[in-house]
Amino acid sequence: MKRREFLKRSTLAAGMISASAIAEKVRAMGNKNNTAQESMKEPGKLPTRQYGKSDVRLSVIGFGGIVVMGSGQEHANKLVSEAFERGVNYYDVAPSYGKGEAEIKLGPALEPYRKKSFLACKTTRRWYKGARKEFEQSLERLKTDYFDLYQLHAITDVKEDVDTAFSKNGAMKLLLEARKAGKIRHLGFSAHSHEAALAAMDRYDFDSILFPVNFANYYKGGFGSEVIEAAKKKGVAILALKMFARQKWPKDAPLRETYSKCWYQPITEREQAKLAMAFTLSQPVTAAVPPGDENLFRLAMDLAMEYEPITPAQTEKVKALAMDLNPIFEHKKA
């Protein structure tokens, strides 16, 4: 073989080996990361992930409006400012939180950061007239002229919630009108049942679903996997609830008054909370909204800075932990 031909073949072979190695590395990364999108992290800030099919990136930890309930306005301002400085750009609230108090406090607190944040709100109303009134009231309280995300709130029953909202004069009529008018940028819903969540995704191409993604529900209660898979298949972004839920409050449980904003017993121990977060953020979710307790919200931000995808050994730990708990949601198959 001539020297020139030998060098040419050697160069081609080296290139093929290099390309093969790179491809294998990419496949390995893909297998390791089963989240919605690979997280991106800016030094000193929370990681972000892509929101569904859009070009929007959300912080992996969201700010739940319940956090500011019961706070004076000055303290609420400080909480939102602290969260924003740490990289939180996703804020979620509803008019039902504290009979409107959460919106009233969050509006002024978020106002300096509104244009750089992703504000999500909801309606519990299932009919057009009630939804419109609630929608306009929320805009006023939150000192904004649009929502980045607006959601049907807490749909549970297919007939009462989903069928009604999608009826001729249902709430979806308002959501679609407001989106067309530029007052809503993305549409979604929150759900606490498999049946309602699956029915809603079959009725409309929603941008996201706000849904409990929790280790105890998943492993002990059989709750979540079917909805997660359906959302993933349809390209619907998943925003996670109840990440730090431990179980239903046991009778006479200690700390119940301390965590009065939680209707369930939360995980408060750091290492268990880290495991719970590893489970939730390793699912195909964009972001998680922690409990409305101020201390647990700060814990979530701290742990998110250390987040790594769950390992097989950690998975076995959370499975074992789940078996001893009384999960807040269960799915009983027919």
C-alpha atoms as a PDB file:
ATOM      1  CA  MET A   1       0.000   0.000   0.000  1.00  0.00           C
ATOM      2  CA  LYS A   2       1.325   3.380  -0.930  1.00  0.00           C
ATOM      3  CA  ARG A   3       2.177   5.725   1.927  1.00  0.00           C
ATOM      4  CA  ARG A   4      -0.414   8.332   0.810  1.00  0.00           C
ATOM      5  CA  GLU A   5      -3.199   5.710   0.684  1.00  0.00           C
ATOM      6  CA  PHE A   6      -2.146   4.331   4.083  1.00  0.00           C
ATOM      7  CA  LEU A   7      -2.345   7.779   5.717  1.00  0.00           C
ATOM      8  CA  LYS A   8      -5.748   8.452   4.134  1.00  0.00           C
ATOM      9  CA  ARG A   9      -7.210   5.192   5.436  1.00  0.00           C
ATOM     10  CA  SER A  10      -5.681   5.710   8.867  1.00  0.00           C
ATOM     11  CA  THR A  11      -7.208   9.195   9.121  1.00  0.00           C
ATOM     12  CA  LEU A  12     -10.638   7.873   8.109  1.00  0.00           C
ATOM     13  CA  ALA A  13     -10.419   5.054  10.643  1.00  0.00           C
ATOM     14  CA  ALA A  14      -9.436   7.451  13.418  1.00  0.00           C
ATOM     15  CA  GLY A  15     -12.362   9.692  12.525  1.00  0.00           C
ATOM     16  CA  MET A  16     -14.776   6.756  12.633  1.00  0.00           C
ATOM     17  CA  ILE A  17     -13.482   5.665  16.047  1.00  0.00           C
ATOM     18  CA  SER A  18     -13.798   9.226  17.359  1.00  0.00           C
ATOM     19  CA  ALA A  19     -17.348   9.623  16.014  1.00  0.00           C
ATOM     20  CA  SER A  20     -18.312   6.241  17.432  1.00  0.00           C
ATOM     21  CA  ALA A  21     -16.931   7.174  20.847  1.00  0.00           C
ATOM     22  CA  ILE A  22     -18.813  10.477  20.843  1.00  0.00           C
ATOM     23  CA  ALA A  23     -22.045   8.765  19.812  1.00  0.00           C
ATOM     24  CA  GLU A  24     -21.646   6.206  22.590  1.00  0.00           C
ATOM     25  CA  LYS A  25     -21.062   8.985  25.110  1.00  0.00           C
ATOM     26  CA  VAL A  26     -24.217  10.781  23.961  1.00  0.00           C
ATOM     27  CA  ARG A  27     -26.230   7.549  24.245  1.00  0.00           C
ATOM     28  CA  ALA A  28     -24.881   6.982  27.741  1.00  0.00           C
ATOM     29  CA  MET A  29     -25.870  10.498  28.784  1.00  0.00           C
ATOM     30  CA  GLY A  30     -29.316   9.963  27.344  1.00  0.00           C
ATOM     31  CA  ASN A  31     -29.736   6.710  29.265  1.00  0.00           C
ATOM     32  CA  LYS A  32     -28.587   8.330  32.481  1.00  0.00           C
ATOM     33  CA  ASN A  33     -30.863  11.343  32.149  1.00  0.00           C
ATOM     34  CA  ASN A  34     -34.542  10.353  31.943  1.00  0.00           C
ATOM     35  CA  THR A  35     -35.838  13.812  32.806  1.00  0.00           C
ATOM     36  CA  ALA A  36     -37.921  16.007  30.490  1.00  0.00           C
ATOM     37  CA  GLN A  37     -34.865  17.903  29.305  1.00  0.00           C
ATOM     38  CA  GLU A  38     -31.270  17.974  30.440  1.00  0.00           C
ATOM     39  CA  SER A  39     -30.844  20.520  33.215  1.00  0.00           C
ATOM     40  CA  MET A  40     -28.796  23.648  32.586  1.00  0.00           C
ATOM     41  CA  LYS A  41     -27.110  25.423  35.452  1.00  0.00           C
ATOM     42  CA  GLU A  42     -25.671  28.905  35.825  1.00  0.00           C
ATOM     43  CA  PRO A  43     -23.105  29.257  38.641  1.00  0.00           C
ATOM     44  CA  GLY A  44     -24.864  30.106  41.894  1.00  0.00           C
ATOM     45  CA  LYS A  45     -28.327  29.705  40.362  1.00  0.00           C
ATOM     46  CA  LEU A  46     -30.873  26.911  40.346  1.00  0.00           C
ATOM     47  CA  PRO A  47     -30.787  24.552  37.352  1.00  0.00           C
ATOM     48  CA  THR A  48     -33.368  25.113  34.622  1.00  0.00           C
ATOM     49  CA  ARG A  49     -35.193  22.800  32.244  1.00  0.00           C
ATOM     50  CA  GLN A  50     -37.128  23.316  29.044  1.00  0.00           C
ATOM     51  CA  TYR A  51     -40.875  23.814  29.440  1.00  0.00           C
ATOM     52  CA  GLY A  52     -42.511  21.323  27.090  1.00  0.00           C
ATOM     53  CA  LYS A  53     -42.301  22.148  23.399  1.00  0.00           C
ATOM     54  CA  SER A  54     -41.581  25.844  23.990  1.00  0.00           C
ATOM     55  CA  ASP A  55     -38.251  27.660  24.167  1.00  0.00           C
ATOM     56  CA  VAL A  56     -39.007  28.689  27.769  1.00  0.00           C
ATOM     57  CA  ARG A  57     -36.750  27.359  30.516  1.00  0.00           C
ATOM     58  CA  LEU A  58     -38.015  27.116  34.088  1.00  0.00           C
ATOM     59  CA  SER A  59     -36.132  26.785  37.346  1.00  0.00           C
ATOM     60  CA  VAL A  60     -36.460  23.204  38.606  1.00  0.00           C
ATOM     61  CA  ILE A  61     -37.963  24.598  41.819  1.00  0.00           C
ATOM     62  CA  GLY A  62     -41.075  26.734  41.600  1.00  0.00           C
ATOM     63  CA  PHE A  63     -42.364  29.263  44.122  1.00  0.00           C
ATOM     64  CA  GLY A  64     -45.795  28.271  45.427  1.00  0.00           C
ATOM     65  CA  GLY A  65     -47.965  31.249  46.356  1.00  0.00           C
ATOM     66  CA  ILE A  66     -48.941  29.569  49.630  1.00  0.00           C
ATOM     67  CA  VAL A  67     -45.450  30.447  50.907  1.00  0.00           C
ATOM     68  CA  VAL A  68     -46.439  34.118  51.313  1.00  0.00           C
ATOM     69  CA  MET A  69     -49.771  33.421  52.995  1.00  0.00           C
ATOM     70  CA  GLY A  70     -49.793  34.654  56.576  1.00  0.00           C
ATOM     71  CA  SER A  71     -46.807  36.930  55.938  1.00  0.00           C
ATOM     72  CA  GLY A  72     -46.745  40.703  56.106  1.00  0.00           C
ATOM     73  CA  GLN A  73     -46.194  42.363  52.737  1.00  0.00           C
ATOM     74  CA  GLU A  74     -42.622  43.345  53.590  1.00  0.00           C
ATOM     75  CA  HIS A  75     -41.709  39.764  54.478  1.00  0.00           C
ATOM     76  CA  ALA A  76     -43.455  38.466  51.347  1.00  0.00           C
ATOM     77  CA  ASN A  77     -41.373  40.911  49.296  1.00  0.00           C
ATOM     78  CA  LYS A  78     -38.180  39.578  50.886  1.00  0.00           C
ATOM     79  CA  LEU A  79     -39.154  35.944  50.239  1.00  0.00           C
ATOM     80  CA  VAL A  80     -39.826  36.577  46.553  1.00  0.00           C
ATOM     81  CA  SER A  81     -36.672  38.667  46.190  1.00  0.00           C
ATOM     82  CA  GLU A  82     -34.576  35.921  47.798  1.00  0.00           C
ATOM     83  CA  ALA A  83     -36.095  33.285  45.548  1.00  0.00           C
ATOM     84  CA  PHE A  84     -35.543  35.355  42.407  1.00  0.00           C
ATOM     85  CA  GLU A  85     -31.910  36.036  43.312  1.00  0.00           C
ATOM     86  CA  ARG A  86     -31.361  32.300  43.725  1.00  0.00           C
ATOM     87  CA  GLY A  87     -32.677  31.674  40.243  1.00  0.00           C
ATOM     88  CA  VAL A  88     -36.375  30.905  40.773  1.00  0.00           C
ATOM     89  CA  ASN A  89     -38.276  32.167  37.731  1.00  0.00           C
ATOM     90  CA  TYR A  90     -41.423  30.019  38.045  1.00  0.00           C
ATOM     91  CA  TYR A  91     -44.210  31.274  40.350  1.00  0.00           C
ATOM     92  CA  ASP A  92     -47.490  29.444  40.867  1.00  0.00           C
ATOM     93  CA  VAL A  93     -50.590  30.729  42.640  1.00  0.00           C
ATOM     94  CA  ALA A  94     -54.372  30.378  42.732  1.00  0.00           C
ATOM     95  CA  PRO A  95     -57.259  32.570  43.953  1.00  0.00           C
ATOM     96  CA  SER A  96     -58.345  29.780  46.288  1.00  0.00           C
ATOM     97  CA  TYR A  97     -55.133  29.994  48.327  1.00  0.00           C
ATOM     98  CA  GLY A  98     -56.079  31.784  51.522  1.00  0.00           C
ATOM     99  CA  LYS A  99     -59.243  33.142  49.874  1.00  0.00           C
ATOM    100  CA  GLY A 100     -57.128  35.366  47.669  1.00  0.00           C
ATOM    101  CA  GLU A 101     -54.446  36.307  50.201  1.00  0.00           C
ATOM    102  CA  ALA A 102     -51.694  34.517  48.277  1.00  0.00           C
ATOM    103  CA  GLU A 103     -52.459  36.525  45.121  1.00  0.00           C
ATOM    104  CA  ILE A 104     -52.753  39.792  47.040  1.00  0.00           C
ATOM    105  CA  LYS A 105     -49.325  39.287  48.649  1.00  0.00           C
ATOM    106  CA  LEU A 106     -47.562  37.785  45.628  1.00  0.00           C
ATOM    107  CA  GLY A 107     -48.653  40.526  43.194  1.00  0.00           C
ATOM    108  CA  PRO A 108     -46.689  43.436  44.719  1.00  0.00           C
ATOM    109  CA  ALA A 109     -43.800  41.159  45.726  1.00  0.00           C
ATOM    110  CA  LEU A 110     -43.326  39.824  42.193  1.00  0.00           C
ATOM    111  CA  GLU A 111     -43.960  43.123  40.412  1.00  0.00           C
ATOM    112  CA  PRO A 112     -40.245  44.158  40.181  1.00  0.00           C
ATOM    113  CA  TYR A 113     -39.420  40.781  38.567  1.00  0.00           C
ATOM    114  CA  ARG A 114     -42.577  40.181  36.547  1.00  0.00           C
ATOM    115  CA  LYS A 115     -41.044  40.564  33.085  1.00  0.00           C
ATOM    116  CA  LYS A 116     -38.298  38.075  33.947  1.00  0.00           C
ATOM    117  CA  SER A 117     -40.551  35.500  35.556  1.00  0.00           C
ATOM    118  CA  PHE A 118     -43.029  32.828  34.491  1.00  0.00           C
ATOM    119  CA  LEU A 119     -46.306  33.394  36.348  1.00  0.00           C
ATOM    120  CA  ALA A 120     -48.846  30.578  36.539  1.00  0.00           C
ATOM    121  CA  CYS A 121     -52.367  30.976  37.880  1.00  0.00           C
ATOM    122  CA  LYS A 122     -55.491  28.796  38.003  1.00  0.00           C
ATOM    123  CA  THR A 123     -59.260  28.727  38.203  1.00  0.00           C
ATOM    124  CA  THR A 124     -61.469  26.363  40.175  1.00  0.00           C
ATOM    125  CA  ARG A 125     -64.496  27.541  38.192  1.00  0.00           C
ATOM    126  CA  ARG A 126     -65.880  25.139  35.613  1.00  0.00           C
ATOM    127  CA  TRP A 127     -68.289  27.502  33.845  1.00  0.00           C
ATOM    128  CA  TYR A 128     -67.426  30.435  31.588  1.00  0.00           C
ATOM    129  CA  LYS A 129     -69.008  33.216  33.647  1.00  0.00           C
ATOM    130  CA  GLY A 130     -67.374  32.236  36.938  1.00  0.00           C
ATOM    131  CA  ALA A 131     -64.013  31.556  35.302  1.00  0.00           C
ATOM    132  CA  ARG A 132     -64.014  34.960  33.613  1.00  0.00           C
ATOM    133  CA  LYS A 133     -64.713  36.768  36.870  1.00  0.00           C
ATOM    134  CA  GLU A 134     -61.973  34.833  38.667  1.00  0.00           C
ATOM    135  CA  PHE A 135     -59.510  35.354  35.806  1.00  0.00           C
ATOM    136  CA  GLU A 136     -59.969  39.140  35.739  1.00  0.00           C
ATOM    137  CA  GLN A 137     -59.743  39.352  39.518  1.00  0.00           C
ATOM    138  CA  SER A 138     -56.472  37.392  39.480  1.00  0.00           C
ATOM    139  CA  LEU A 139     -54.971  39.702  36.856  1.00  0.00           C
ATOM    140  CA  GLU A 140     -55.790  42.695  39.035  1.00  0.00           C
ATOM    141  CA  ARG A 141     -54.502  41.196  42.273  1.00  0.00           C
ATOM    142  CA  LEU A 142     -51.291  39.981  40.668  1.00  0.00           C
ATOM    143  CA  LYS A 143     -50.655  43.344  38.994  1.00  0.00           C
ATOM    144  CA  THR A 144     -50.200  41.899  35.527  1.00  0.00           C
ATOM    145  CA  ASP A 145     -51.967  42.014  32.177  1.00  0.00           C
ATOM    146  CA  TYR A 146     -51.202  38.420  31.149  1.00  0.00           C
ATOM    147  CA  PHE A 147     -50.376  34.994  32.555  1.00  0.00           C
ATOM    148  CA  ASP A 148     -47.570  32.859  31.230  1.00  0.00           C
ATOM    149  CA  LEU A 149     -49.640  29.817  32.202  1.00  0.00           C
ATOM    150  CA  TYR A 150     -53.297  29.536  33.152  1.00  0.00           C
ATOM    151  CA  GLN A 151     -54.745  26.261  34.379  1.00  0.00           C
ATOM    152  CA  LEU A 152     -57.956  24.475  35.199  1.00  0.00           C
ATOM    153  CA  HIS A 153     -57.421  23.901  38.915  1.00  0.00           C
ATOM    154  CA  ALA A 154     -57.716  20.552  40.707  1.00  0.00           C
ATOM    155  CA  ILE A 155     -59.757  18.582  38.205  1.00  0.00           C
ATOM    156  CA  THR A 156     -60.708  15.282  39.835  1.00  0.00           C
ATOM    157  CA  ASP A 157     -63.985  13.980  38.433  1.00  0.00           C
ATOM    158  CA  VAL A 158     -64.369  13.447  34.688  1.00  0.00           C
ATOM    159  CA  LYS A 159     -68.051  14.347  34.538  1.00  0.00           C
ATOM    160  CA  GLU A 160     -68.141  17.220  37.023  1.00  0.00           C
ATOM    161  CA  ASP A 161     -64.798  18.794  36.155  1.00  0.00           C
ATOM    162  CA  VAL A 162     -63.622  17.802  32.688  1.00  0.00           C
ATOM    163  CA  ASP A 163     -66.968  17.440  30.904  1.00  0.00           C
ATOM    164  CA  THR A 164     -68.280  20.673  32.417  1.00  0.00           C
ATOM    165  CA  ALA A 165     -65.146  22.695  31.616  1.00  0.00           C
ATOM    166  CA  PHE A 166     -65.266  21.522  27.991  1.00  0.00           C
ATOM    167  CA  SER A 167     -68.998  22.088  27.556  1.00  0.00           C
ATOM    168  CA  LYS A 168     -70.429  24.863  25.351  1.00  0.00           C
ATOM    169  CA  ASN A 169     -70.325  27.487  28.128  1.00  0.00           C
ATOM    170  CA  GLY A 170     -67.557  25.871  30.123  1.00  0.00           C
ATOM    171  CA  ALA A 171     -64.359  27.368  31.501  1.00  0.00           C
ATOM    172  CA  MET A 172     -62.285  26.252  28.511  1.00  0.00           C
ATOM    173  CA  LYS A 173     -64.156  28.757  26.370  1.00  0.00           C
ATOM    174  CA  LEU A 174     -62.732  31.549  28.549  1.00  0.00           C
ATOM    175  CA  LEU A 175     -59.222  30.085  28.508  1.00  0.00           C
ATOM    176  CA  LEU A 176     -59.191  29.827  24.724  1.00  0.00           C
ATOM    177  CA  GLU A 177     -60.557  33.357  24.273  1.00  0.00           C
ATOM    178  CA  ALA A 178     -57.964  34.794  26.654  1.00  0.00           C
ATOM    179  CA  ARG A 179     -55.183  32.923  24.907  1.00  0.00           C
ATOM    180  CA  LYS A 180     -56.291  34.271  21.538  1.00  0.00           C
ATOM    181  CA  ALA A 181     -56.343  37.786  23.025  1.00  0.00           C
ATOM    182  CA  GLY A 182     -52.771  37.415  24.289  1.00  0.00           C
ATOM    183  CA  LYS A 183     -53.724  37.373  27.973  1.00  0.00           C
ATOM    184  CA  ILE A 184     -52.607  33.752  28.348  1.00  0.00           C
ATOM    185  CA  ARG A 185     -49.488  32.318  26.769  1.00  0.00           C
ATOM    186  CA  HIS A 186     -49.787  28.653  27.762  1.00  0.00           C
ATOM    187  CA  LEU A 187     -52.688  26.476  28.890  1.00  0.00           C
ATOM    188  CA  GLY A 188     -52.616  23.690  31.439  1.00  0.00           C
ATOM    189  CA  PHE A 189     -54.443  21.997  34.276  1.00  0.00           C
ATOM    190  CA  SER A 190     -53.761  20.528  37.694  1.00  0.00           C
ATOM    191  CA  ALA A 191     -55.209  17.144  38.580  1.00  0.00           C
ATOM    192  CA  HIS A 192     -55.399  14.706  41.456  1.00  0.00           C
ATOM    193  CA  SER A 193     -56.750  11.661  39.642  1.00  0.00           C
ATOM    194  CA  HIS A 194     -55.599   9.476  36.781  1.00  0.00           C
ATOM    195  CA  GLU A 195     -59.013   9.470  35.135  1.00  0.00           C
ATOM    196  CA  ALA A 196     -59.414  13.264  35.023  1.00  0.00           C
ATOM    197  CA  ALA A 197     -55.841  13.877  33.894  1.00  0.00           C
ATOM    198  CA  LEU A 198     -56.028  11.349  31.060  1.00  0.00           C
ATOM    199  CA  ALA A 199     -59.449  12.619  29.968  1.00  0.00           C
ATOM    200  CA  ALA A 200     -58.250  16.241  29.868  1.00  0.00           C
ATOM    201  CA  MET A 201     -55.169  15.355  27.791  1.00  0.00           C
ATOM    202  CA  ASP A 202     -57.416  13.488  25.359  1.00  0.00           C
ATOM    203  CA  ARG A 203     -59.684  16.538  24.959  1.00  0.00           C
ATOM    204  CA  TYR A 204     -57.057  19.198  24.265  1.00  0.00           C
ATOM    205  CA  ASP A 205     -53.379  19.623  23.446  1.00  0.00           C
ATOM    206  CA  PHE A 206     -52.410  21.258  26.756  1.00  0.00           C
ATOM    207  CA  ASP A 207     -48.953  22.730  27.260  1.00  0.00           C
ATOM    208  CA  SER A 208     -48.535  21.293  30.745  1.00  0.00           C
ATOM    209  CA  ILE A 209     -50.007  19.298  33.577  1.00  0.00           C
ATOM    210  CA  LEU A 210     -49.470  20.093  37.271  1.00  0.00           C
ATOM    211  CA  PHE A 211     -49.602  16.701  38.982  1.00  0.00           C
ATOM    212  CA  PRO A 212     -48.376  14.871  42.120  1.00  0.00           C
ATOM    213  CA  VAL A 213     -45.069  13.132  41.375  1.00  0.00           C
ATOM    214  CA  ASN A 214     -44.074  11.564  44.664  1.00  0.00           C
ATOM    215  CA  PHE A 215     -42.159   8.411  45.605  1.00  0.00           C
ATOM    216  CA  ALA A 216     -44.689   7.096  48.171  1.00  0.00           C
ATOM    217  CA  ASN A 217     -47.647   7.646  45.850  1.00  0.00           C
ATOM    218  CA  TYR A 218     -45.742   6.022  43.007  1.00  0.00           C
ATOM    219  CA  TYR A 219     -44.351   2.915  44.700  1.00  0.00           C
ATOM    220  CA  LYS A 220     -46.891   2.258  47.463  1.00  0.00           C
ATOM    221  CA  GLY A 221     -50.023   3.816  45.969  1.00  0.00           C
ATOM    222  CA  GLY A 222     -49.508   2.917  42.310  1.00  0.00           C
ATOM    223  CA  PHE A 223     -50.259   6.559  41.549  1.00  0.00           C
ATOM    224  CA  GLY A 224     -48.668   8.548  38.752  1.00  0.00           C
ATOM    225  CA  SER A 225     -46.931   6.268  36.273  1.00  0.00           C
ATOM    226  CA  GLU A 226     -49.817   6.060  33.805  1.00  0.00           C
ATOM    227  CA  VAL A 227     -50.280   9.831  33.716  1.00  0.00           C
ATOM    228  CA  ILE A 228     -46.547  10.518  33.485  1.00  0.00           C
ATOM    229  CA  GLU A 229     -46.217   8.177  30.507  1.00  0.00           C
ATOM    230  CA  ALA A 230     -49.245   9.689  28.742  1.00  0.00           C
ATOM    231  CA  ALA A 231     -47.929  13.232  29.213  1.00  0.00           C
ATOM    232  CA  LYS A 232     -44.484  12.227  28.004  1.00  0.00           C
ATOM    233  CA  LYS A 233     -45.944  10.558  24.910  1.00  0.00           C
ATOM    234  CA  LYS A 234     -48.044  13.623  24.057  1.00  0.00           C
ATOM    235  CA  GLY A 235     -45.222  16.089  24.699  1.00  0.00           C
ATOM    236  CA  VAL A 236     -47.066  17.715  27.611  1.00  0.00           C
ATOM    237  CA  ALA A 237     -44.730  19.319  30.164  1.00  0.00           C
ATOM    238  CA  ILE A 238     -45.038  17.913  33.675  1.00  0.00           C
ATOM    239  CA  LEU A 239     -44.914  20.265  36.647  1.00  0.00           C
ATOM    240  CA  ALA A 240     -44.631  18.261  39.846  1.00  0.00           C
ATOM    241  CA  LEU A 241     -46.589  18.622  43.068  1.00  0.00           C
ATOM    242  CA  LYS A 242     -46.157  16.926  46.465  1.00  0.00           C
ATOM    243  CA  MET A 243     -42.438  16.204  46.075  1.00  0.00           C
ATOM    244  CA  PHE A 244     -41.889  16.338  49.855  1.00  0.00           C
ATOM    245  CA  ALA A 245     -45.118  14.582  50.855  1.00  0.00           C
ATOM    246  CA  ARG A 246     -44.416  11.772  53.292  1.00  0.00           C
ATOM    247  CA  GLN A 247     -47.902  10.442  53.987  1.00  0.00           C
ATOM    248  CA  LYS A 248     -51.326  11.325  55.383  1.00  0.00           C
ATOM    249  CA  TRP A 249     -51.045  12.955  58.796  1.00  0.00           C
ATOM    250  CA  PRO A 250     -51.049  10.253  61.487  1.00  0.00           C
ATOM    251  CA  LYS A 251     -53.348  10.965  64.429  1.00  0.00           C
ATOM    252  CA  ASP A 252     -51.672  13.088  67.118  1.00  0.00           C
ATOM    253  CA  ALA A 253     -48.575  13.454  64.923  1.00  0.00           C
ATOM    254  CA  PRO A 254     -45.886  15.839  66.249  1.00  0.00           C
ATOM    255  CA  LEU A 255     -45.155  18.974  64.209  1.00  0.00           C
ATOM    256  CA  ARG A 256     -48.672  19.113  62.795  1.00  0.00           C
ATOM    257  CA  GLU A 257     -49.140  22.669  64.034  1.00  0.00           C
ATOM    258  CA  THR A 258     -45.623  23.620  62.949  1.00  0.00           C
ATOM    259  CA  TYR A 259     -46.433  22.642  59.363  1.00  0.00           C
ATOM    260  CA  SER A 260     -49.985  23.947  59.339  1.00  0.00           C
ATOM    261  CA  LYS A 261     -49.801  24.846  55.640  1.00  0.00           C
ATOM    262  CA  CYS A 262     -49.394  21.165  54.756  1.00  0.00           C
ATOM    263  CA  TRP A 263     -52.553  19.036  54.713  1.00  0.00           C
ATOM    264  CA  TYR A 264     -50.253  15.984  54.680  1.00  0.00           C
ATOM    265  CA  GLN A 265     -47.216  15.011  56.742  1.00  0.00           C
ATOM    266  CA  PRO A 266     -44.172  16.469  54.969  1.00  0.00           C
ATOM    267  CA  ILE A 267     -40.649  15.101  54.855  1.00  0.00           C
ATOM    268  CA  THR A 268     -38.519  17.358  57.030  1.00  0.00           C
ATOM    269  CA  GLU A 269     -35.324  15.323  57.481  1.00  0.00           C
ATOM    270  CA  ARG A 270     -32.659  16.505  55.009  1.00  0.00           C
ATOM    271  CA  GLU A 271     -31.398  13.145  53.711  1.00  0.00           C
ATOM    272  CA  GLN A 272     -34.904  11.788  53.164  1.00  0.00           C
ATOM    273  CA  ALA A 273     -35.877  15.045  51.456  1.00  0.00           C
ATOM    274  CA  LYS A 274     -32.842  14.668  49.191  1.00  0.00           C
ATOM    275  CA  LEU A 275     -33.983  11.170  48.229  1.00  0.00           C
ATOM    276  CA  ALA A 276     -37.536  12.379  47.619  1.00  0.00           C
ATOM    277  CA  MET A 277     -36.251  15.162  45.361  1.00  0.00           C
ATOM    278  CA  ALA A 278     -33.943  12.763  43.523  1.00  0.00           C
ATOM    279  CA  PHE A 279     -36.958  10.582  42.718  1.00  0.00           C
ATOM    280  CA  THR A 280     -39.178  13.448  41.531  1.00  0.00           C
ATOM    281  CA  LEU A 281     -36.607  15.343  39.470  1.00  0.00           C
ATOM    282  CA  SER A 282     -35.408  12.114  37.861  1.00  0.00           C
ATOM    283  CA  GLN A 283     -38.850  11.656  36.335  1.00  0.00           C
ATOM    284  CA  PRO A 284     -39.609  13.489  33.051  1.00  0.00           C
ATOM    285  CA  VAL A 285     -40.630  16.671  34.864  1.00  0.00           C
ATOM    286  CA  THR A 286     -39.750  20.285  34.113  1.00  0.00           C
ATOM    287  CA  ALA A 287     -40.033  21.650  37.645  1.00  0.00           C
ATOM    288  CA  ALA A 288     -41.399  20.876  41.101  1.00  0.00           C
ATOM    289  CA  VAL A 289     -43.401  23.136  43.411  1.00  0.00           C
ATOM    290  CA  PRO A 290     -42.498  22.323  47.048  1.00  0.00           C
ATOM    291  CA  PRO A 291     -44.892  22.637  50.009  1.00  0.00           C
ATOM    292  CA  GLY A 292     -46.021  26.143  50.952  1.00  0.00           C
ATOM    293  CA  ASP A 293     -43.991  26.145  54.143  1.00  0.00           C
ATOM    294  CA  GLU A 294     -41.198  28.729  54.063  1.00  0.00           C
ATOM    295  CA  ASN A 295     -38.571  26.433  55.603  1.00  0.00           C
ATOM    296  CA  LEU A 296     -39.379  23.534  53.281  1.00  0.00           C
ATOM    297  CA  PHE A 297     -39.236  25.854  50.276  1.00  0.00           C
ATOM    298  CA  ARG A 298     -35.747  26.973  51.296  1.00  0.00           C
ATOM    299  CA  LEU A 299     -34.740  23.346  51.843  1.00  0.00           C
ATOM    300  CA  ALA A 300     -35.908  22.546  48.318  1.00  0.00           C
ATOM    301  CA  MET A 301     -33.807  25.366  46.851  1.00  0.00           C
ATOM    302  CA  ASP A 302     -30.756  24.220  48.812  1.00  0.00           C
ATOM    303  CA  LEU A 303     -31.110  20.577  47.760  1.00  0.00           C
ATOM    304  CA  ALA A 304     -31.770  21.461  44.121  1.00  0.00           C
ATOM    305  CA  MET A 305     -28.316  23.018  43.952  1.00  0.00           C
ATOM    306  CA  GLU A 306     -26.891  19.560  44.805  1.00  0.00           C
ATOM    307  CA  TYR A 307     -29.276  17.529  42.644  1.00  0.00           C
ATOM    308  CA  GLU A 308     -28.021  14.467  40.795  1.00  0.00           C
ATOM    309  CA  PRO A 309     -30.210  11.888  38.990  1.00  0.00           C
ATOM    310  CA  ILE A 310     -31.333   9.079  41.266  1.00  0.00           C
ATOM    311  CA  THR A 311     -29.064   6.033  41.447  1.00  0.00           C
ATOM    312  CA  PRO A 312     -30.189   2.372  41.560  1.00  0.00           C
ATOM    313  CA  ALA A 313     -29.177   2.204  45.248  1.00  0.00           C
ATOM    314  CA  GLN A 314     -31.216   5.339  46.036  1.00  0.00           C
ATOM    315  CA  THR A 315     -34.179   3.913  44.144  1.00  0.00           C
ATOM    316  CA  GLU A 316     -34.130   0.847  46.384  1.00  0.00           C
ATOM    317  CA  LYS A 317     -34.032   3.129  49.432  1.00  0.00           C
ATOM    318  CA  VAL A 318     -37.075   5.152  48.404  1.00  0.00           C
ATOM    319  CA  LYS A 319     -38.964   1.979  47.508  1.00  0.00           C
ATOM    320  CA  ALA A 320     -38.270   0.556  50.954  1.00  0.00           C
ATOM    321  CA  LEU A 321     -39.252   3.835  52.624  1.00  0.00           C
ATOM    322  CA  ALA A 322     -42.494   4.004  50.633  1.00  0.00           C
ATOM    323  CA  MET A 323     -43.618   0.545  51.753  1.00  0.00           C
ATOM    324  CA  ASP A 324     -43.914   1.735  55.374  1.00  0.00           C
ATOM    325  CA  LEU A 325     -45.994   4.827  54.547  1.00  0.00           C
ATOM    326  CA  ASN A 326     -49.644   5.727  54.024  1.00  0.00           C
ATOM    327  CA  PRO A 327     -49.498   7.670  50.718  1.00  0.00           C
ATOM    328  CA  ILE A 328     -51.721  10.687  50.180  1.00  0.00           C
ATOM    329  CA  PHE A 329     -52.846   9.486  46.748  1.00  0.00           C
ATOM    330  CA  GLU A 330     -53.509   5.970  45.485  1.00  0.00           C
ATOM    331  CA  HIS A 331     -54.699   4.636  42.166  1.00  0.00           C
ATOM    332  CA  LYS A 332     -56.848   1.542  42.267  1.00  0.00           C
ATOM    333  CA  LYS A 333     -57.107  -0.049  38.868  1.00  0.00           C
ATOM    334  CA  ALA A 334     -60.512  -1.370  37.829  1.00  0.00           C
END
